[in-house]
Each structure stands twice: as structure tokens, then as C-alpha cells.
């Protein structure tokens, strides 16, 4: 009786695999290697270490980046090139203001605080000697492999004084 039950289980499993109802290893149901907030923290760590050329490695090949200036950049290489060029110009000193994680949607909202000072014409500019101020909120979405598939950057209002 026990042998018959085992044969039935294996037969049922084989039929389900053959029919596409189940798989022997289900990568589509596997947990991501890194969650969205892990990736967001790595992104911030790379900026802190000024390893801007490595930021592109965090992105999926078909990723989309929505910049705060309205520009949309598509693809891991183009996004990496953008970050490498842009961050080298401003070399910000950042820290985490807050993190909010939505596990089901594989999203993380990262509020970034940046050291800034008032520039000569009154605008706020990054400066390592400045005060930390909330400057942007980045919304990261990652795939099951822990790569960024979409990121939107929202500028935070800076103090008027």
C-alpha cells in the first residue's frame, strides 16, 4: 500500500511537471537574492565610496531610470554611463534618511540626505562641509535576481532660508 502511494505521488508530480503546472525547481517562485532595500543601501554605499562606475552593475539589462529632470534612460549600460558622468561632477556626501520596504512589490523608497551648502548665487550645492538635508527620494523596484528594473527619483524641496 505504501509503495503504491509513493508511485502515485511520483506519477502525479511527473504529470504536473510535464503539463507545466509545476517545475522541479521553481525560479519564478524563489526569493530574490537581495531585496529592494538591500540594493538601495548598496547603491548608496557605492556613491559614498565614489565607486560610480560600479553603479551600473546594480541594474537589470532592460532597466528604466526616471531622472528628476524628466529624462528617461533605458538599459543598464546607458544608466551606468549616466551615473558615472553625473556623480563624478557633484561628488555628493549622502546618508540614509529613511527606508520603506514593500516586500510584495519588491520596492524600496529611500530618502537620501545630502550634505549641502548655499552656493554663491543662492542655490543649494553638495559640499562635504555642509549640513545634511533631505534632497531626494529614490523609489527602487528590483526583479527576483535582485537587480534594479525601475527607479524613479523625486526631488525634495530644499530649505528656502
N, C-alpha and C. Protein backbone atom coordinates (compact mmCIF):
# COMPACT_ATOMS: atom_id res chain seq x y z
N UNK A 1 0.83 -1.19 0.00
CA UNK A 1 0.00 0.00 0.00
C UNK A 1 0.87 1.25 0.00
N UNK A 2 1.91 1.24 0.84
CA UNK A 2 2.83 2.39 0.94
C UNK A 2 3.55 2.60 -0.40
N UNK A 3 3.97 1.48 -1.02
CA UNK A 3 4.67 1.56 -2.29
C UNK A 3 3.76 2.14 -3.36
N UNK A 4 2.51 1.78 -3.37
CA UNK A 4 1.53 2.28 -4.32
C UNK A 4 1.32 3.79 -4.14
N UNK A 5 1.24 4.23 -2.89
CA UNK A 5 1.06 5.66 -2.60
C UNK A 5 2.27 6.46 -3.09
N UNK A 6 3.47 5.95 -2.90
CA UNK A 6 4.68 6.64 -3.36
C UNK A 6 4.71 6.72 -4.88
N UNK A 7 4.34 5.61 -5.54
CA UNK A 7 4.30 5.62 -7.00
C UNK A 7 3.29 6.64 -7.50
N UNK A 8 2.14 6.73 -6.83
CA UNK A 8 1.12 7.69 -7.22
C UNK A 8 1.64 9.12 -7.08
N UNK A 9 2.34 9.43 -5.97
CA UNK A 9 2.89 10.78 -5.76
C UNK A 9 3.89 11.13 -6.86
N UNK A 10 4.81 10.20 -7.16
CA UNK A 10 5.80 10.49 -8.20
C UNK A 10 5.15 10.60 -9.57
N UNK A 11 4.16 9.79 -9.85
CA UNK A 11 3.46 9.86 -11.13
C UNK A 11 2.73 11.19 -11.26
N UNK A 12 2.06 11.60 -10.19
CA UNK A 12 1.34 12.88 -10.18
C UNK A 12 2.32 14.03 -10.37
N UNK A 13 3.44 14.00 -9.69
CA UNK A 13 4.45 15.05 -9.82
C UNK A 13 4.98 15.10 -11.25
N UNK A 14 5.25 13.95 -11.84
CA UNK A 14 5.76 13.90 -13.21
C UNK A 14 4.75 14.48 -14.20
N UNK A 15 3.48 14.18 -14.01
CA UNK A 15 2.43 14.71 -14.88
C UNK A 15 2.34 16.22 -14.73
N UNK A 16 2.42 16.72 -13.49
CA UNK A 16 2.34 18.17 -13.25
C UNK A 16 3.52 18.90 -13.88
N UNK A 17 4.71 18.32 -13.80
CA UNK A 17 5.88 18.93 -14.42
C UNK A 17 5.71 18.94 -15.93
N UNK A 18 5.29 17.80 -16.49
CA UNK A 18 5.11 17.70 -17.94
C UNK A 18 4.04 18.66 -18.43
N UNK A 19 3.01 18.90 -17.65
CA UNK A 19 1.91 19.78 -18.05
C UNK A 19 2.24 21.25 -17.79
N UNK A 20 3.35 21.51 -17.14
CA UNK A 20 3.72 22.89 -16.85
C UNK A 20 3.04 23.46 -15.62
N UNK A 21 2.36 22.62 -14.85
CA UNK A 21 1.69 23.07 -13.64
C UNK A 21 2.70 23.28 -12.52
N UNK A 22 3.78 22.54 -12.55
CA UNK A 22 4.83 22.65 -11.53
C UNK A 22 6.18 22.50 -12.21
N UNK A 23 7.21 22.86 -11.52
CA UNK A 23 8.56 22.66 -12.03
C UNK A 23 9.37 21.97 -10.96
N UNK A 24 10.45 21.35 -11.38
CA UNK A 24 11.30 20.68 -10.41
C UNK A 24 12.01 21.70 -9.53
N UNK A 25 12.45 22.78 -10.12
CA UNK A 25 12.97 23.90 -9.33
C UNK A 25 12.26 25.13 -9.86
N UNK A 26 11.60 25.87 -9.00
CA UNK A 26 10.80 26.99 -9.49
C UNK A 26 11.48 28.32 -9.25
N UNK A 27 12.33 28.75 -10.18
CA UNK A 27 13.00 30.01 -10.02
C UNK A 27 12.02 31.19 -9.98
N UNK A 28 10.86 31.05 -10.62
CA UNK A 28 9.91 32.16 -10.60
C UNK A 28 9.32 32.36 -9.22
N UNK A 29 9.40 31.36 -8.37
CA UNK A 29 8.87 31.50 -7.02
C UNK A 29 9.97 31.61 -5.97
N UNK A 30 11.21 31.57 -6.43
CA UNK A 30 12.32 31.66 -5.49
C UNK A 30 12.44 33.07 -4.94
N UNK A 31 12.92 33.20 -3.73
CA UNK A 31 13.10 34.51 -3.12
C UNK A 31 14.22 35.25 -3.84
N UNK A 32 14.11 36.56 -3.95
CA UNK A 32 15.18 37.31 -4.60
C UNK A 32 16.48 37.17 -3.80
N UNK A 33 17.59 37.29 -4.51
CA UNK A 33 18.87 37.18 -3.82
C UNK A 33 19.08 38.36 -2.89
N UNK A 34 18.61 39.53 -3.30
CA UNK A 34 18.68 40.72 -2.45
C UNK A 34 17.34 41.43 -2.56
N UNK A 35 16.85 41.96 -1.44
CA UNK A 35 15.60 42.70 -1.54
C UNK A 35 15.88 44.13 -2.00
N UNK A 36 14.83 44.87 -2.29
CA UNK A 36 14.97 46.21 -2.86
C UNK A 36 15.74 47.15 -1.95
N UNK A 37 15.54 47.06 -0.64
CA UNK A 37 16.26 47.95 0.27
C UNK A 37 17.73 47.56 0.40
N UNK A 38 18.05 46.27 0.26
CA UNK A 38 19.46 45.86 0.23
C UNK A 38 20.15 46.51 -0.97
N UNK A 39 19.46 46.51 -2.10
CA UNK A 39 20.03 47.10 -3.32
C UNK A 39 20.15 48.61 -3.15
N UNK A 40 19.14 49.25 -2.55
CA UNK A 40 19.19 50.70 -2.33
C UNK A 40 20.37 51.06 -1.43
N UNK A 41 20.60 50.27 -0.39
CA UNK A 41 21.74 50.53 0.50
C UNK A 41 23.07 50.33 -0.23
N UNK A 42 23.13 49.34 -1.10
CA UNK A 42 24.35 49.12 -1.88
C UNK A 42 24.59 50.29 -2.83
N UNK A 43 23.54 50.78 -3.44
CA UNK A 43 23.61 51.96 -4.31
C UNK A 43 24.20 53.14 -3.54
N UNK A 44 23.69 53.38 -2.35
CA UNK A 44 24.18 54.50 -1.54
C UNK A 44 25.63 54.26 -1.10
N UNK A 45 25.96 53.02 -0.76
CA UNK A 45 27.33 52.69 -0.36
C UNK A 45 28.31 52.97 -1.50
N UNK A 46 27.93 52.60 -2.71
CA UNK A 46 28.80 52.86 -3.87
C UNK A 46 28.99 54.35 -4.10
N UNK A 47 27.95 55.15 -3.87
CA UNK A 47 28.12 56.60 -4.02
C UNK A 47 29.02 57.14 -2.92
N UNK A 48 28.85 56.63 -1.70
CA UNK A 48 29.70 57.08 -0.59
C UNK A 48 31.17 56.76 -0.85
N UNK A 49 31.44 55.62 -1.45
CA UNK A 49 32.80 55.19 -1.74
C UNK A 49 33.31 55.79 -3.06
N UNK A 50 32.48 56.59 -3.71
CA UNK A 50 32.77 57.20 -5.01
C UNK A 50 33.14 56.16 -6.07
N UNK A 51 32.47 55.01 -5.99
CA UNK A 51 32.65 53.95 -6.98
C UNK A 51 31.53 54.04 -8.00
N UNK A 52 31.45 55.19 -8.64
CA UNK A 52 30.35 55.50 -9.55
C UNK A 52 30.31 54.55 -10.75
N UNK A 53 31.45 54.07 -11.19
CA UNK A 53 31.50 53.16 -12.34
C UNK A 53 30.87 51.81 -12.04
N UNK A 54 30.67 51.47 -10.77
CA UNK A 54 30.07 50.18 -10.40
C UNK A 54 28.56 50.27 -10.24
N UNK A 55 27.99 51.46 -10.23
CA UNK A 55 26.54 51.60 -10.01
C UNK A 55 25.75 50.90 -11.12
N UNK A 56 26.25 50.93 -12.34
CA UNK A 56 25.56 50.26 -13.45
C UNK A 56 25.37 48.77 -13.22
N UNK A 57 26.25 48.14 -12.44
CA UNK A 57 26.15 46.71 -12.17
C UNK A 57 24.91 46.34 -11.34
N UNK A 58 24.29 47.33 -10.70
CA UNK A 58 23.11 47.06 -9.87
C UNK A 58 21.84 46.92 -10.70
N UNK A 59 21.90 47.27 -11.97
CA UNK A 59 20.71 47.35 -12.82
C UNK A 59 20.54 46.13 -13.71
N UNK A 60 19.29 45.80 -14.00
CA UNK A 60 18.95 44.76 -14.97
C UNK A 60 19.25 45.30 -16.37
N UNK A 61 19.48 44.42 -17.32
CA UNK A 61 19.80 44.84 -18.69
C UNK A 61 18.73 45.74 -19.30
N UNK A 62 17.46 45.47 -18.98
CA UNK A 62 16.35 46.22 -19.58
C UNK A 62 15.76 47.26 -18.61
N UNK A 63 16.54 47.70 -17.66
CA UNK A 63 16.07 48.64 -16.63
C UNK A 63 15.69 49.99 -17.23
N UNK A 64 14.84 50.70 -16.46
CA UNK A 64 14.43 52.05 -16.84
C UNK A 64 14.68 52.96 -15.64
N UNK A 65 15.32 54.10 -15.91
CA UNK A 65 15.61 55.09 -14.88
C UNK A 65 14.90 56.39 -15.24
N UNK A 66 14.09 56.89 -14.30
CA UNK A 66 13.36 58.14 -14.48
C UNK A 66 14.07 59.20 -13.65
N UNK A 67 14.82 60.07 -14.31
CA UNK A 67 15.60 61.11 -13.64
C UNK A 67 14.68 62.26 -13.20
N UNK A 68 15.09 63.02 -12.21
CA UNK A 68 14.25 64.11 -11.72
C UNK A 68 14.06 65.24 -12.73
N UNK A 69 14.89 65.31 -13.75
CA UNK A 69 14.75 66.35 -14.76
C UNK A 69 13.79 65.94 -15.88
N UNK A 70 13.14 64.79 -15.72
CA UNK A 70 12.19 64.32 -16.72
C UNK A 70 12.79 63.38 -17.76
N UNK A 71 14.09 63.22 -17.74
CA UNK A 71 14.76 62.34 -18.68
C UNK A 71 14.50 60.88 -18.31
N UNK A 72 14.28 60.04 -19.32
CA UNK A 72 14.13 58.60 -19.12
C UNK A 72 15.32 57.93 -19.79
N UNK A 73 16.04 57.12 -19.01
CA UNK A 73 17.23 56.42 -19.53
C UNK A 73 16.94 54.94 -19.46
N UNK A 74 17.18 54.24 -20.55
CA UNK A 74 16.87 52.82 -20.66
C UNK A 74 18.14 51.99 -20.85
N UNK A 75 18.18 50.88 -20.12
CA UNK A 75 19.27 49.93 -20.28
C UNK A 75 20.38 50.13 -19.27
N UNK A 76 20.89 49.01 -18.79
CA UNK A 76 21.92 49.01 -17.74
C UNK A 76 23.14 49.84 -18.12
N UNK A 77 23.63 49.70 -19.35
CA UNK A 77 24.85 50.40 -19.75
C UNK A 77 24.64 51.90 -19.82
N UNK A 78 23.52 52.33 -20.40
CA UNK A 78 23.23 53.77 -20.50
C UNK A 78 23.04 54.38 -19.11
N UNK A 79 22.38 53.65 -18.23
CA UNK A 79 22.17 54.14 -16.86
C UNK A 79 23.51 54.23 -16.13
N UNK A 80 24.34 53.21 -16.28
CA UNK A 80 25.66 53.23 -15.67
C UNK A 80 26.51 54.40 -16.17
N UNK A 81 26.44 54.66 -17.47
CA UNK A 81 27.19 55.79 -18.04
C UNK A 81 26.70 57.11 -17.46
N UNK A 82 25.39 57.24 -17.34
CA UNK A 82 24.81 58.47 -16.77
C UNK A 82 25.34 58.70 -15.35
N UNK A 83 25.24 57.68 -14.52
CA UNK A 83 25.67 57.83 -13.13
C UNK A 83 27.17 58.11 -13.03
N UNK A 84 27.94 57.41 -13.81
CA UNK A 84 29.38 57.60 -13.78
C UNK A 84 29.74 59.04 -14.10
N UNK A 85 29.13 59.62 -15.10
CA UNK A 85 29.42 61.00 -15.50
C UNK A 85 28.82 62.01 -14.52
N UNK A 86 27.57 61.81 -14.13
CA UNK A 86 26.86 62.79 -13.30
C UNK A 86 27.43 62.88 -11.89
N UNK A 87 27.60 61.75 -11.22
CA UNK A 87 28.05 61.79 -9.83
C UNK A 87 29.50 62.25 -9.70
N UNK A 88 30.32 62.02 -10.72
CA UNK A 88 31.70 62.50 -10.66
C UNK A 88 31.75 64.02 -10.66
N UNK A 89 30.73 64.65 -11.23
CA UNK A 89 30.69 66.12 -11.28
C UNK A 89 30.33 66.72 -9.92
N UNK A 90 29.45 66.04 -9.18
CA UNK A 90 28.95 66.66 -7.94
C UNK A 90 29.50 66.01 -6.67
N UNK A 91 30.05 64.81 -6.76
CA UNK A 91 30.60 64.04 -5.62
C UNK A 91 29.85 64.29 -4.31
N UNK A 92 28.60 63.86 -4.24
CA UNK A 92 27.81 64.13 -3.03
C UNK A 92 28.25 63.29 -1.83
N UNK A 93 27.98 63.82 -0.64
CA UNK A 93 28.15 63.07 0.60
C UNK A 93 26.72 62.81 1.09
N UNK A 94 26.31 61.54 1.02
CA UNK A 94 24.93 61.15 1.30
C UNK A 94 24.84 60.25 2.52
N UNK A 95 23.63 60.17 3.05
CA UNK A 95 23.31 59.18 4.07
C UNK A 95 21.83 58.84 3.94
N UNK A 96 21.46 57.74 4.57
CA UNK A 96 20.06 57.31 4.55
C UNK A 96 19.27 58.18 5.52
N UNK A 97 18.21 58.78 5.01
CA UNK A 97 17.27 59.49 5.87
C UNK A 97 16.23 58.50 6.39
N UNK A 98 15.68 57.72 5.47
CA UNK A 98 14.72 56.67 5.84
C UNK A 98 14.63 55.66 4.72
N UNK A 99 14.16 54.46 5.08
CA UNK A 99 13.92 53.38 4.13
C UNK A 99 12.52 52.84 4.38
N UNK A 100 11.79 52.60 3.31
CA UNK A 100 10.49 51.95 3.43
C UNK A 100 10.46 50.81 2.43
N UNK A 101 10.16 49.61 2.91
CA UNK A 101 10.25 48.41 2.10
C UNK A 101 8.87 47.82 1.87
N UNK A 102 8.56 47.54 0.61
CA UNK A 102 7.33 46.84 0.23
C UNK A 102 7.77 45.51 -0.37
N UNK A 103 7.77 44.47 0.47
CA UNK A 103 8.28 43.17 0.06
C UNK A 103 7.49 42.58 -1.09
N UNK A 104 6.19 42.69 -1.04
CA UNK A 104 5.35 42.09 -2.08
C UNK A 104 5.63 42.69 -3.45
N UNK A 105 5.81 44.00 -3.49
CA UNK A 105 6.07 44.68 -4.77
C UNK A 105 7.55 44.74 -5.11
N UNK A 106 8.41 44.25 -4.22
CA UNK A 106 9.87 44.30 -4.39
C UNK A 106 10.32 45.74 -4.63
N UNK A 107 9.80 46.65 -3.78
CA UNK A 107 10.13 48.07 -3.89
C UNK A 107 10.71 48.60 -2.59
N UNK A 108 11.54 49.62 -2.73
CA UNK A 108 12.09 50.33 -1.59
C UNK A 108 12.08 51.82 -1.89
N UNK A 109 11.57 52.59 -0.95
CA UNK A 109 11.67 54.05 -1.03
C UNK A 109 12.83 54.46 -0.12
N UNK A 110 13.80 55.11 -0.69
CA UNK A 110 15.00 55.54 0.02
C UNK A 110 15.03 57.06 0.04
N UNK A 111 14.92 57.64 1.23
CA UNK A 111 15.09 59.08 1.35
C UNK A 111 16.57 59.33 1.60
N UNK A 112 17.17 60.13 0.74
CA UNK A 112 18.59 60.43 0.83
C UNK A 112 18.78 61.83 1.39
N UNK A 113 19.66 61.91 2.37
CA UNK A 113 20.07 63.20 2.90
C UNK A 113 21.48 63.47 2.38
N UNK A 114 21.71 64.69 1.92
CA UNK A 114 22.98 65.07 1.32
C UNK A 114 23.54 66.29 2.05
N UNK A 115 24.86 66.30 2.23
CA UNK A 115 25.50 67.50 2.80
C UNK A 115 25.49 68.58 1.72
N UNK A 116 24.88 69.72 2.05
CA UNK A 116 24.78 70.82 1.10
C UNK A 116 25.10 72.15 1.77
N UNK A 117 25.50 73.11 0.96
CA UNK A 117 25.70 74.50 1.40
C UNK A 117 25.05 75.41 0.38
N UNK A 118 24.85 76.64 0.78
CA UNK A 118 24.29 77.63 -0.14
C UNK A 118 25.40 78.11 -1.06
N UNK A 119 25.17 77.99 -2.38
CA UNK A 119 26.16 78.42 -3.36
C UNK A 119 26.19 79.93 -3.52
N UNK A 120 27.13 80.44 -4.33
CA UNK A 120 27.30 81.88 -4.50
C UNK A 120 26.05 82.60 -5.03
N UNK A 121 25.29 81.92 -5.84
CA UNK A 121 24.08 82.57 -6.38
C UNK A 121 22.82 82.15 -5.61
N UNK A 122 23.00 81.56 -4.42
CA UNK A 122 21.86 81.25 -3.56
C UNK A 122 21.31 79.84 -3.67
N UNK A 123 21.76 79.05 -4.65
CA UNK A 123 21.26 77.68 -4.80
C UNK A 123 22.01 76.75 -3.84
N UNK A 124 21.36 75.64 -3.52
CA UNK A 124 21.99 74.63 -2.66
C UNK A 124 22.87 73.76 -3.53
N UNK A 125 24.10 73.50 -3.06
CA UNK A 125 25.04 72.65 -3.80
C UNK A 125 25.66 71.64 -2.84
N UNK A 126 25.98 70.44 -3.35
CA UNK A 126 26.64 69.45 -2.48
C UNK A 126 27.99 69.97 -2.00
N UNK A 127 28.27 69.75 -0.72
CA UNK A 127 29.54 70.16 -0.13
C UNK A 127 29.76 69.33 1.13
N UNK A 128 30.92 68.70 1.23
CA UNK A 128 31.22 67.82 2.36
C UNK A 128 31.19 68.54 3.70
N UNK A 129 31.29 69.86 3.70
CA UNK A 129 31.27 70.63 4.95
C UNK A 129 29.86 71.11 5.32
N UNK A 130 28.90 70.84 4.47
CA UNK A 130 27.54 71.32 4.69
C UNK A 130 26.75 70.49 5.69
N UNK A 131 25.53 70.91 5.91
CA UNK A 131 24.60 70.20 6.78
C UNK A 131 23.84 69.15 5.96
N UNK A 132 23.45 68.05 6.63
CA UNK A 132 22.63 67.05 5.95
C UNK A 132 21.21 67.57 5.80
N UNK A 133 20.71 67.50 4.58
CA UNK A 133 19.36 67.94 4.26
C UNK A 133 18.74 66.88 3.36
N UNK A 134 17.45 66.57 3.56
CA UNK A 134 16.75 65.65 2.67
C UNK A 134 16.70 66.23 1.27
N UNK A 135 17.29 65.53 0.31
CA UNK A 135 17.39 66.08 -1.04
C UNK A 135 16.57 65.32 -2.08
N UNK A 136 16.51 64.00 -1.96
CA UNK A 136 15.76 63.20 -2.94
C UNK A 136 15.12 62.00 -2.27
N UNK A 137 14.11 61.48 -2.93
CA UNK A 137 13.54 60.19 -2.57
C UNK A 137 13.64 59.33 -3.82
N UNK A 138 14.34 58.21 -3.69
CA UNK A 138 14.51 57.28 -4.80
C UNK A 138 13.59 56.09 -4.56
N UNK A 139 12.83 55.75 -5.57
CA UNK A 139 11.94 54.58 -5.49
C UNK A 139 12.53 53.48 -6.38
N UNK A 140 13.02 52.43 -5.73
CA UNK A 140 13.66 51.30 -6.41
C UNK A 140 12.68 50.15 -6.56
N UNK A 141 12.66 49.51 -7.72
CA UNK A 141 11.96 48.25 -7.93
C UNK A 141 12.99 47.26 -8.44
N UNK A 142 13.04 46.07 -7.83
CA UNK A 142 14.02 45.06 -8.24
C UNK A 142 13.32 43.80 -8.72
N UNK A 143 14.03 43.05 -9.55
CA UNK A 143 13.49 41.77 -10.01
C UNK A 143 13.89 40.67 -9.02
N UNK A 144 13.54 39.45 -9.32
CA UNK A 144 13.83 38.34 -8.42
C UNK A 144 15.32 38.03 -8.31
N UNK A 145 16.10 38.55 -9.22
CA UNK A 145 17.55 38.36 -9.16
C UNK A 145 18.23 39.45 -8.35
N UNK A 146 17.44 40.40 -7.82
CA UNK A 146 18.00 41.47 -7.03
C UNK A 146 18.61 42.59 -7.86
N UNK A 147 18.19 42.72 -9.11
CA UNK A 147 18.67 43.79 -9.99
C UNK A 147 17.57 44.85 -10.12
N UNK A 148 17.99 46.10 -10.19
CA UNK A 148 17.03 47.20 -10.33
C UNK A 148 16.41 47.14 -11.72
N UNK A 149 15.08 47.12 -11.77
CA UNK A 149 14.37 47.14 -13.05
C UNK A 149 13.81 48.52 -13.34
N UNK A 150 13.54 49.26 -12.27
CA UNK A 150 12.99 50.60 -12.44
C UNK A 150 13.37 51.44 -11.23
N UNK A 151 13.72 52.68 -11.51
CA UNK A 151 14.00 53.61 -10.42
C UNK A 151 13.49 54.98 -10.81
N UNK A 152 12.79 55.60 -9.87
CA UNK A 152 12.31 56.97 -10.07
C UNK A 152 12.93 57.83 -8.98
N UNK A 153 13.38 59.01 -9.38
CA UNK A 153 13.98 59.95 -8.44
C UNK A 153 13.04 61.14 -8.30
N UNK A 154 12.70 61.45 -7.05
CA UNK A 154 11.85 62.59 -6.74
C UNK A 154 12.67 63.59 -5.92
N UNK A 155 12.75 64.82 -6.41
CA UNK A 155 13.48 65.84 -5.67
C UNK A 155 12.67 66.31 -4.47
N UNK A 156 13.34 66.49 -3.36
CA UNK A 156 12.69 67.03 -2.16
C UNK A 156 12.90 68.54 -2.16
N UNK A 157 11.93 69.28 -1.65
CA UNK A 157 12.14 70.73 -1.56
C UNK A 157 13.23 71.05 -0.55
N UNK A 158 14.13 71.95 -0.92
CA UNK A 158 15.21 72.35 -0.03
C UNK A 158 14.78 73.60 0.75
N UNK A 159 15.40 73.83 1.91
CA UNK A 159 15.01 74.99 2.72
C UNK A 159 15.14 76.30 1.92
N UNK A 160 14.21 77.20 2.14
CA UNK A 160 14.22 78.50 1.45
C UNK A 160 15.22 79.44 2.09
N UNK A 161 15.50 79.27 3.36
CA UNK A 161 16.40 80.20 4.09
C UNK A 161 17.84 79.95 3.81
